[in-house]
PDB file of N, CA and C in Angstrom:
ATOM      1  N   MET A   1     -96.955  34.481  41.082  1.00  0.00           N
ATOM      2  CA  MET A   1     -97.445  33.517  40.148  1.00  0.00           C
ATOM      3  C   MET A   1     -98.938  33.343  40.397  1.00  0.00           C
ATOM      4  N   SER A   2     -99.714  33.749  39.500  1.00  0.00           N
ATOM      5  CA  SER A   2    -101.145  33.791  39.723  1.00  0.00           C
ATOM      6  C   SER A   2    -101.770  32.418  39.876  1.00  0.00           C
ATOM      7  N   TRP A   3    -101.244  31.405  39.255  1.00  0.00           N
ATOM      8  CA  TRP A   3    -101.898  30.104  39.336  1.00  0.00           C
ATOM      9  C   TRP A   3    -101.750  29.473  40.703  1.00  0.00           C
ATOM     10  N   PHE A   4    -100.851  29.969  41.524  1.00  0.00           N
ATOM     11  CA  PHE A   4    -100.693  29.431  42.865  1.00  0.00           C
ATOM     12  C   PHE A   4    -101.577  30.141  43.877  1.00  0.00           C
ATOM     13  N   SER A   5    -101.932  31.374  43.637  1.00  0.00           N
ATOM     14  CA  SER A   5    -102.583  32.178  44.651  1.00  0.00           C
ATOM     15  C   SER A   5    -104.098  32.228  44.533  1.00  0.00           C
ATOM     16  N   ARG A   6    -104.682  31.547  43.605  1.00  0.00           N
ATOM     17  CA  ARG A   6    -106.128  31.581  43.429  1.00  0.00           C
ATOM     18  C   ARG A   6    -106.817  30.774  44.520  1.00  0.00           C
ATOM     19  N   SER A   7    -108.060  31.119  44.768  1.00  0.00           N
ATOM     20  CA  SER A   7    -108.828  30.354  45.747  1.00  0.00           C
ATOM     21  C   SER A   7    -109.164  28.987  45.179  1.00  0.00           C
ATOM     22  N   SER A   8    -109.549  28.063  46.046  1.00  0.00           N
ATOM     23  CA  SER A   8    -109.807  26.702  45.602  1.00  0.00           C
ATOM     24  C   SER A   8    -111.023  26.599  44.695  1.00  0.00           C
ATOM     25  N   SER A   9    -111.915  27.589  44.734  1.00  0.00           N
ATOM     26  CA  SER A   9    -113.113  27.525  43.893  1.00  0.00           C
ATOM     27  C   SER A   9    -112.834  27.925  42.445  1.00  0.00           C
ATOM     28  N   GLU A  10    -111.716  28.591  42.191  1.00  0.00           N
ATOM     29  CA  GLU A  10    -111.366  28.994  40.832  1.00  0.00           C
ATOM     30  C   GLU A  10    -110.516  27.910  40.178  1.00  0.00           C
ATOM     31  N   GLN A  11    -110.699  27.727  38.900  1.00  0.00           N
ATOM     32  CA  GLN A  11    -109.916  26.763  38.143  1.00  0.00           C
ATOM     33  C   GLN A  11    -108.534  27.364  37.860  1.00  0.00           C
ATOM     34  N   SER A  12    -107.486  26.661  38.200  1.00  0.00           N
ATOM     35  CA  SER A  12    -106.131  27.134  37.973  1.00  0.00           C
ATOM     36  C   SER A  12    -105.565  26.512  36.715  1.00  0.00           C
ATOM     37  N   PRO A  13    -104.876  27.301  35.905  1.00  0.00           N
ATOM     38  CA  PRO A  13    -104.244  26.717  34.720  1.00  0.00           C
ATOM     39  C   PRO A  13    -103.064  25.843  35.138  1.00  0.00           C
ATOM     40  N   ALA A  14    -102.670  24.954  34.284  1.00  0.00           N
ATOM     41  CA  ALA A  14    -101.547  24.069  34.579  1.00  0.00           C
ATOM     42  C   ALA A  14    -100.262  24.876  34.722  1.00  0.00           C
ATOM     43  N   ALA A  15     -99.380  24.380  35.559  1.00  0.00           N
ATOM     44  CA  ALA A  15     -98.085  25.024  35.766  1.00  0.00           C
ATOM     45  C   ALA A  15     -97.226  24.869  34.519  1.00  0.00           C
ATOM     46  N   THR A  16     -96.514  25.909  34.177  1.00  0.00           N
ATOM     47  CA  THR A  16     -95.599  25.839  33.039  1.00  0.00           C
ATOM     48  C   THR A  16     -94.288  25.202  33.481  1.00  0.00           C
ATOM     49  N   ARG A  17     -93.468  24.873  32.538  1.00  0.00           N
ATOM     50  CA  ARG A  17     -92.151  24.315  32.847  1.00  0.00           C
ATOM     51  C   ARG A  17     -91.345  25.286  33.704  1.00  0.00           C
ATOM     52  N   HIS A  18     -91.444  26.564  33.383  1.00  0.00           N
ATOM     53  CA  HIS A  18     -90.736  27.587  34.157  1.00  0.00           C
ATOM     54  C   HIS A  18     -91.253  27.638  35.600  1.00  0.00           C
ATOM     55  N   ASP A  19     -92.568  27.561  35.773  1.00  0.00           N
ATOM     56  CA  ASP A  19     -93.160  27.573  37.113  1.00  0.00           C
ATOM     57  C   ASP A  19     -92.673  26.384  37.938  1.00  0.00           C
ATOM     58  N   ARG A  20     -92.668  25.219  37.334  1.00  0.00           N
ATOM     59  CA  ARG A  20     -92.214  24.012  38.043  1.00  0.00           C
ATOM     60  C   ARG A  20     -90.746  24.132  38.428  1.00  0.00           C
ATOM     61  N   GLN A  21     -89.926  24.614  37.504  1.00  0.00           N
ATOM     62  CA  GLN A  21     -88.498  24.756  37.775  1.00  0.00           C
ATOM     63  C   GLN A  21     -88.260  25.727  38.928  1.00  0.00           C
ATOM     64  N   LYS A  22     -88.977  26.841  38.922  1.00  0.00           N
ATOM     65  CA  LYS A  22     -88.839  27.836  39.983  1.00  0.00           C
ATOM     66  C   LYS A  22     -89.271  27.245  41.336  1.00  0.00           C
ATOM     67  N   CYS A  23     -90.334  26.469  41.322  1.00  0.00           N
ATOM     68  CA  CYS A  23     -90.802  25.811  42.541  1.00  0.00           C
ATOM     69  C   CYS A  23     -89.736  24.852  43.065  1.00  0.00           C
ATOM     70  N   TRP A  24     -89.205  24.008  42.209  1.00  0.00           N
ATOM     71  CA  TRP A  24     -88.207  23.029  42.634  1.00  0.00           C
ATOM     72  C   TRP A  24     -86.954  23.703  43.174  1.00  0.00           C
ATOM     73  N   GLU A  25     -86.537  24.791  42.532  1.00  0.00           N
ATOM     74  CA  GLU A  25     -85.346  25.508  42.992  1.00  0.00           C
ATOM     75  C   GLU A  25     -85.577  26.129  44.369  1.00  0.00           C
ATOM     76  N   SER A  26     -86.743  26.721  44.567  1.00  0.00           N
ATOM     77  CA  SER A  26     -87.033  27.335  45.872  1.00  0.00           C
ATOM     78  C   SER A  26     -87.197  26.258  46.940  1.00  0.00           C
ATOM     79  N   ARG A  27     -87.770  25.109  46.575  1.00  0.00           N
ATOM     80  CA  ARG A  27     -87.863  23.982  47.518  1.00  0.00           C
ATOM     81  C   ARG A  27     -86.473  23.524  47.942  1.00  0.00           C
ATOM     82  N   ASP A  28     -85.576  23.359  46.966  1.00  0.00           N
ATOM     83  CA  ASP A  28     -84.223  22.901  47.262  1.00  0.00           C
ATOM     84  C   ASP A  28     -83.493  23.879  48.172  1.00  0.00           C
ATOM     85  N   GLN A  29     -83.653  25.175  47.929  1.00  0.00           N
ATOM     86  CA  GLN A  29     -83.006  26.183  48.780  1.00  0.00           C
ATOM     87  C   GLN A  29     -83.560  26.130  50.197  1.00  0.00           C
ATOM     88  N   TYR A  30     -84.865  25.992  50.325  1.00  0.00           N
ATOM     89  CA  TYR A  30     -85.495  25.918  51.644  1.00  0.00           C
ATOM     90  C   TYR A  30     -85.036  24.666  52.391  1.00  0.00           C
ATOM     91  N   PHE A  31     -85.009  23.535  51.706  1.00  0.00           N
ATOM     92  CA  PHE A  31     -84.594  22.295  52.352  1.00  0.00           C
ATOM     93  C   PHE A  31     -83.113  22.332  52.724  1.00  0.00           C
ATOM     94  N   GLU A  32     -82.277  22.993  51.930  1.00  0.00           N
ATOM     95  CA  GLU A  32     -80.873  23.170  52.290  1.00  0.00           C
ATOM     96  C   GLU A  32     -80.755  23.991  53.567  1.00  0.00           C
ATOM     97  N   CYS A  33     -81.581  25.019  53.675  1.00  0.00           N
ATOM     98  CA  CYS A  33     -81.584  25.840  54.881  1.00  0.00           C
ATOM     99  C   CYS A  33     -82.013  24.999  56.086  1.00  0.00           C
ATOM    100  N   LEU A  34     -83.058  24.176  55.904  1.00  0.00           N
ATOM    101  CA  LEU A  34     -83.491  23.308  57.001  1.00  0.00           C
ATOM    102  C   LEU A  34     -82.378  22.346  57.406  1.00  0.00           C
ATOM    103  N   ASP A  35     -81.685  21.791  56.416  1.00  0.00           N
ATOM    104  CA  ASP A  35     -80.571  20.884  56.706  1.00  0.00           C
ATOM    105  C   ASP A  35     -79.487  21.587  57.511  1.00  0.00           C
ATOM    106  N   SER A  36     -79.147  22.804  57.109  1.00  0.00           N
ATOM    107  CA  SER A  36     -78.089  23.533  57.821  1.00  0.00           C
ATOM    108  C   SER A  36     -78.524  23.935  59.223  1.00  0.00           C
ATOM    109  N   ALA A  37     -79.846  24.076  59.433  1.00  0.00           N
ATOM    110  CA  ALA A  37     -80.369  24.399  60.760  1.00  0.00           C
ATOM    111  C   ALA A  37     -80.609  23.142  61.589  1.00  0.00           C
ATOM    112  N   GLY A  38     -80.422  21.974  60.980  1.00  0.00           N
ATOM    113  CA  GLY A  38     -80.624  20.717  61.687  1.00  0.00           C
ATOM    114  C   GLY A  38     -82.088  20.392  61.931  1.00  0.00           C
ATOM    115  N   VAL A  39     -82.959  20.838  61.034  1.00  0.00           N
ATOM    116  CA  VAL A  39     -84.403  20.631  61.177  1.00  0.00           C
ATOM    117  C   VAL A  39     -84.874  19.666  60.096  1.00  0.00           C
ATOM    118  N   LEU A  40     -85.626  18.649  60.500  1.00  0.00           N
ATOM    119  CA  LEU A  40     -86.160  17.700  59.531  1.00  0.00           C
ATOM    120  C   LEU A  40     -87.533  18.126  59.034  1.00  0.00           C
ATOM    121  N   THR A  41     -88.423  18.456  59.937  1.00  0.00           N
ATOM    122  CA  THR A  41     -89.806  18.765  59.595  1.00  0.00           C
ATOM    123  C   THR A  41     -89.969  20.244  59.274  1.00  0.00           C
ATOM    124  N   ALA A  42     -90.422  20.531  58.074  1.00  0.00           N
ATOM    125  CA  ALA A  42     -90.647  21.918  57.657  1.00  0.00           C
ATOM    126  C   ALA A  42     -91.657  22.580  58.578  1.00  0.00           C
ATOM    127  N   GLY A  43     -91.384  23.831  58.919  1.00  0.00           N
ATOM    128  CA  GLY A  43     -92.263  24.576  59.801  1.00  0.00           C
ATOM    129  C   GLY A  43     -91.785  24.600  61.237  1.00  0.00           C
ATOM    130  N   GLU A  44     -90.797  23.776  61.567  1.00  0.00           N
ATOM    131  CA  GLU A  44     -90.275  23.709  62.929  1.00  0.00           C
ATOM    132  C   GLU A  44     -88.961  24.473  63.089  1.00  0.00           C
ATOM    133  N   GLU A  45     -88.617  25.259  62.098  1.00  0.00           N
ATOM    134  CA  GLU A  45     -87.324  25.949  62.112  1.00  0.00           C
ATOM    135  C   GLU A  45     -87.364  27.318  62.776  1.00  0.00           C
ATOM    136  N   GLY A  46     -88.520  27.754  63.198  1.00  0.00           N
ATOM    137  CA  GLY A  46     -88.637  29.082  63.792  1.00  0.00           C
ATOM    138  C   GLY A  46     -88.356  30.155  62.758  1.00  0.00           C
ATOM    139  N   THR A  47     -87.447  31.053  63.073  1.00  0.00           N
ATOM    140  CA  THR A  47     -87.114  32.143  62.153  1.00  0.00           C
ATOM    141  C   THR A  47     -85.851  31.867  61.342  1.00  0.00           C
ATOM    142  N   ALA A  48     -85.309  30.667  61.451  1.00  0.00           N
ATOM    143  CA  ALA A  48     -84.023  30.354  60.812  1.00  0.00           C
ATOM    144  C   ALA A  48     -84.064  30.438  59.286  1.00  0.00           C
ATOM    145  N   CYS A  49     -85.169  30.073  58.664  1.00  0.00           N
ATOM    146  CA  CYS A  49     -85.230  29.988  57.202  1.00  0.00           C
ATOM    147  C   CYS A  49     -86.370  30.831  56.641  1.00  0.00           C
ATOM    148  N   THR A  50     -86.622  31.962  57.241  1.00  0.00           N
ATOM    149  CA  THR A  50     -87.777  32.785  56.876  1.00  0.00           C
ATOM    150  C   THR A  50     -87.772  33.177  55.408  1.00  0.00           C
ATOM    151  N   LYS A  51     -86.638  33.653  54.921  1.00  0.00           N
ATOM    152  CA  LYS A  51     -86.567  34.138  53.544  1.00  0.00           C
ATOM    153  C   LYS A  51     -86.788  33.014  52.535  1.00  0.00           C
ATOM    154  N   SER A  52     -86.108  31.897  52.734  1.00  0.00           N
ATOM    155  CA  SER A  52     -86.257  30.790  51.779  1.00  0.00           C
ATOM    156  C   SER A  52     -87.639  30.144  51.898  1.00  0.00           C
ATOM    157  N   LYS A  53     -88.217  30.118  53.098  1.00  0.00           N
ATOM    158  CA  LYS A  53     -89.568  29.577  53.258  1.00  0.00           C
ATOM    159  C   LYS A  53     -90.590  30.450  52.527  1.00  0.00           C
ATOM    160  N   PHE A  54     -90.437  31.755  52.640  1.00  0.00           N
ATOM    161  CA  PHE A  54     -91.340  32.681  51.953  1.00  0.00           C
ATOM    162  C   PHE A  54     -91.288  32.446  50.442  1.00  0.00           C
ATOM    163  N   GLN A  55     -90.082  32.327  49.892  1.00  0.00           N
ATOM    164  CA  GLN A  55     -89.927  32.107  48.456  1.00  0.00           C
ATOM    165  C   GLN A  55     -90.519  30.756  48.040  1.00  0.00           C
ATOM    166  N   TYR A  56     -90.310  29.746  48.856  1.00  0.00           N
ATOM    167  CA  TYR A  56     -90.858  28.407  48.610  1.00  0.00           C
ATOM    168  C   TYR A  56     -92.381  28.458  48.553  1.00  0.00           C
ATOM    169  N   GLU A  57     -92.982  29.093  49.536  1.00  0.00           N
ATOM    170  CA  GLU A  57     -94.442  29.179  49.587  1.00  0.00           C
ATOM    171  C   GLU A  57     -95.004  30.059  48.478  1.00  0.00           C
ATOM    172  N   LYS A  58     -94.231  31.030  48.038  1.00  0.00           N
ATOM    173  CA  LYS A  58     -94.657  31.910  46.951  1.00  0.00           C
ATOM    174  C   LYS A  58     -94.564  31.201  45.593  1.00  0.00           C
ATOM    175  N   SER A  59     -93.568  30.339  45.441  1.00  0.00           N
ATOM    176  CA  SER A  59     -93.292  29.711  44.149  1.00  0.00           C
ATOM    177  C   SER A  59     -94.041  28.408  43.902  1.00  0.00           C
ATOM    178  N   CYS A  60     -94.553  27.781  44.944  1.00  0.00           N
ATOM    179  CA  CYS A  60     -95.160  26.458  44.797  1.00  0.00           C
ATOM    180  C   CYS A  60     -96.628  26.453  45.221  1.00  0.00           C
ATOM    181  N   ALA A  61     -97.391  25.605  44.573  1.00  0.00           N
ATOM    182  CA  ALA A  61     -98.783  25.406  44.958  1.00  0.00           C
ATOM    183  C   ALA A  61     -98.839  24.744  46.332  1.00  0.00           C
ATOM    184  N   LYS A  62     -99.866  25.026  47.105  1.00  0.00           N
ATOM    185  CA  LYS A  62     -99.974  24.466  48.449  1.00  0.00           C
ATOM    186  C   LYS A  62     -99.952  22.947  48.429  1.00  0.00           C
ATOM    187  N   SER A  63    -100.616  22.338  47.481  1.00  0.00           N
ATOM    188  CA  SER A  63    -100.624  20.875  47.412  1.00  0.00           C
ATOM    189  C   SER A  63     -99.214  20.327  47.168  1.00  0.00           C
ATOM    190  N   TRP A  64     -98.413  21.047  46.397  1.00  0.00           N
ATOM    191  CA  TRP A  64     -97.034  20.631  46.159  1.00  0.00           C
ATOM    192  C   TRP A  64     -96.219  20.762  47.433  1.00  0.00           C
ATOM    193  N   ILE A  65     -96.412  21.867  48.147  1.00  0.00           N
ATOM    194  CA  ILE A  65     -95.685  22.098  49.392  1.00  0.00           C
ATOM    195  C   ILE A  65     -95.992  20.985  50.383  1.00  0.00           C
ATOM    196  N   ASP A  66     -97.261  20.642  50.522  1.00  0.00           N
ATOM    197  CA  ASP A  66     -97.653  19.562  51.430  1.00  0.00           C
ATOM    198  C   ASP A  66     -96.974  18.254  51.029  1.00  0.00           C
ATOM    199  N   TYR A  67     -96.983  17.956  49.744  1.00  0.00           N
ATOM    200  CA  TYR A  67     -96.358  16.727  49.254  1.00  0.00           C
ATOM    201  C   TYR A  67     -94.849  16.725  49.519  1.00  0.00           C
ATOM    202  N   PHE A  68     -94.162  17.806  49.133  1.00  0.00           N
ATOM    203  CA  PHE A  68     -92.713  17.870  49.310  1.00  0.00           C
ATOM    204  C   PHE A  68     -92.325  17.749  50.779  1.00  0.00           C
ATOM    205  N   ASN A  69     -93.061  18.423  51.665  1.00  0.00           N
ATOM    206  CA  ASN A  69     -92.741  18.387  53.091  1.00  0.00           C
ATOM    207  C   ASN A  69     -92.922  16.982  53.666  1.00  0.00           C
ATOM    208  N   LYS A  70     -94.005  16.316  53.293  1.00  0.00           N
ATOM    209  CA  LYS A  70     -94.228  14.948  53.769  1.00  0.00           C
ATOM    210  C   LYS A  70     -93.183  14.006  53.192  1.00  0.00           C
ATOM    211  N   ARG A  71     -92.850  14.197  51.933  1.00  0.00           N
ATOM    212  CA  ARG A  71     -91.866  13.340  51.270  1.00  0.00           C
ATOM    213  C   ARG A  71     -90.489  13.492  51.907  1.00  0.00           C
ATOM    214  N   ARG A  72     -90.139  14.683  52.343  1.00  0.00           N
ATOM    215  CA  ARG A  72     -88.851  14.925  52.998  1.00  0.00           C
ATOM    216  C   ARG A  72     -88.725  14.074  54.263  1.00  0.00           C
ATOM    217  N   VAL A  73     -89.761  14.085  55.095  1.00  0.00           N
ATOM    218  CA  VAL A  73     -89.747  13.321  56.341  1.00  0.00           C
ATOM    219  C   VAL A  73     -89.706  11.827  56.039  1.00  0.00           C
ATOM    220  N   LEU A  74     -90.537  11.388  55.088  1.00  0.00           N
ATOM    221  CA  LEU A  74     -90.577   9.981  54.724  1.00  0.00           C
ATOM    222  C   LEU A  74     -89.230   9.496  54.186  1.00  0.00           C
ATOM    223  N   ALA A  75     -88.588  10.285  53.347  1.00  0.00           N
ATOM    224  CA  ALA A  75     -87.292   9.898  52.780  1.00  0.00           C
ATOM    225  C   ALA A  75     -86.246   9.737  53.874  1.00  0.00           C
ATOM    226  N   GLU A  76     -86.277  10.597  54.872  1.00  0.00           N
ATOM    227  CA  GLU A  76     -85.313  10.493  55.977  1.00  0.00           C
ATOM    228  C   GLU A  76     -85.569   9.229  56.798  1.00  0.00           C
ATOM    229  N   LYS A  77     -86.829   8.913  57.034  1.00  0.00           N
ATOM    230  CA  LYS A  77     -87.159   7.683  57.766  1.00  0.00           C
ATOM    231  C   LYS A  77     -86.705   6.456  56.985  1.00  0.00           C
ATOM    232  N   GLN A  78     -86.875   6.509  55.660  1.00  0.00           N
ATOM    233  CA  GLN A  78     -86.449   5.386  54.827  1.00  0.00           C
ATOM    234  C   GLN A  78     -84.939   5.209  54.881  1.00  0.00           C
ATOM    235  N   LYS A  79     -84.191   6.314  54.900  1.00  0.00           N
ATOM    236  CA  LYS A  79     -82.731   6.238  55.014  1.00  0.00           C
ATOM    237  C   LYS A  79     -82.337   5.547  56.302  1.00  0.00           C
ATOM    238  N   ASP A  80     -82.994   5.908  57.400  1.00  0.00           N
ATOM    239  CA  ASP A  80     -82.698   5.301  58.694  1.00  0.00           C
ATOM    240  C   ASP A  80     -82.995   3.804  58.685  1.00  0.00           C
ATOM    241  N   MET A  81     -84.121   3.430  58.101  1.00  0.00           N
ATOM    242  CA  MET A  81     -84.481   2.004  58.047  1.00  0.00           C
ATOM    243  C   MET A  81     -83.496   1.221  57.183  1.00  0.00           C
ATOM    244  N   LEU A  82     -83.061   1.797  56.073  1.00  0.00           N
ATOM    245  CA  LEU A  82     -82.087   1.121  55.222  1.00  0.00           C
ATOM    246  C   LEU A  82     -80.746   0.957  55.940  1.00  0.00           C
ATOM    247  N   ALA A  83     -80.339   1.966  56.660  1.00  0.00           N
ATOM    248  CA  ALA A  83     -79.089   1.886  57.411  1.00  0.00           C
ATOM    249  C   ALA A  83     -79.170   0.790  58.472  1.00  0.00           C
ATOM    250  N   GLN A  84     -80.282   0.709  59.181  1.00  0.00           N
ATOM    251  CA  GLN A  84     -80.466  -0.339  60.183  1.00  0.00           C
ATOM    252  C   GLN A  84     -80.453  -1.720  59.533  1.00  0.00           C
ATOM    253  N   SER A  85     -81.100  -1.831  58.397  1.00  0.00           N
ATOM    254  CA  SER A  85     -81.150  -3.096  57.682  1.00  0.00           C
ATOM    255  C   SER A  85     -79.753  -3.534  57.254  1.00  0.00           C
ATOM    256  N   GLN A  86     -78.948  -2.608  56.779  1.00  0.00           N
ATOM    257  CA  GLN A  86     -77.590  -2.936  56.358  1.00  0.00           C
ATOM    258  C   GLN A  86     -76.737  -3.370  57.541  1.00  0.00           C
ATOM    259  N   LEU A  87     -76.902  -2.722  58.676  1.00  0.00           N
ATOM    260  CA  LEU A  87     -76.161  -3.120  59.873  1.00  0.00           C
ATOM    261  C   LEU A  87     -76.548  -4.525  60.311  1.00  0.00           C
ATOM    262  N   GLN A  88     -77.833  -4.820  60.305  1.00  0.00           N
ATOM    263  CA  GLN A  88     -78.289  -6.137  60.685  1.00  0.00           C
ATOM    264  C   GLN A  88     -77.767  -7.197  59.727  1.00  0.00           C
ATOM    265  N   SER A  89     -77.745  -6.871  58.454  1.00  0.00           N
ATOM    266  CA  SER A  89     -77.239  -7.794  57.453  1.00  0.00           C
ATOM    267  C   SER A  89     -75.755  -8.067  57.669  1.00  0.00           C
ATOM    268  N   GLN A  90     -74.986  -7.043  57.979  1.00  0.00           N
ATOM    269  CA  GLN A  90     -73.557  -7.204  58.238  1.00  0.00           C
ATOM    270  C   GLN A  90     -73.327  -8.069  59.477  1.00  0.00           C
ATOM    271  N   GLU A  91     -74.143  -7.867  60.509  1.00  0.00           N
ATOM    272  CA  GLU A  91     -74.005  -8.668  61.729  1.00  0.00           C
ATOM    273  C   GLU A  91     -74.294 -10.133  61.446  1.00  0.00           C
ATOM    274  N   VAL A  92     -75.324 -10.417  60.657  1.00  0.00           N
ATOM    275  CA  VAL A  92     -75.670 -11.790  60.320  1.00  0.00           C
ATOM    276  C   VAL A  92     -74.541 -12.416  59.503  1.00  0.00           C
ATOM    277  N   ASN A  93     -73.990 -11.677  58.561  1.00  0.00           N
ATOM    278  CA  ASN A  93     -72.912 -12.209  57.721  1.00  0.00           C
ATOM    279  C   ASN A  93     -71.648 -12.490  58.530  1.00  0.00           C
ATOM    280  N   ARG A  94     -71.395 -11.702  59.562  1.00  0.00           N
ATOM    281  CA  ARG A  94     -70.219 -11.943  60.406  1.00  0.00           C
ATOM    282  C   ARG A  94     -70.374 -13.215  61.224  1.00  0.00           C
ATOM    283  N   LYS A  95     -71.594 -13.522  61.596  1.00  0.00           N
ATOM    284  CA  LYS A  95     -71.848 -14.700  62.403  1.00  0.00           C
ATOM    285  C   LYS A  95     -71.749 -15.988  61.578  1.00  0.00           C
ATOM    286  N   LEU A  96     -71.905 -15.859  60.272  1.00  0.00           N
ATOM    287  CA  LEU A  96     -71.850 -17.049  59.417  1.00  0.00           C
ATOM    288  C   LEU A  96     -70.474 -17.512  59.138  1.00  0.00           C
TER     289      LEU A  96
END
């Protein structure tokens, strides 16, 4: 996909619907691989997800990859905080 591989000094055309869909699909496959390998942070999987990582990096713009990877970690932290909050709420309700 040429719009992903250009240098930062060149103007890139907007991603098409097909480009975005392909990026999202490759992201989902890569993240599924990370989940099955028990890895939260992208890039820490070693050689476990080489093929899906290559496709992800080929299909998505670098700025998108950075965003998706950060969002993955943040979403997991939010899940943990919500779970803790629910437990605390249940404990308070039991005491009442």
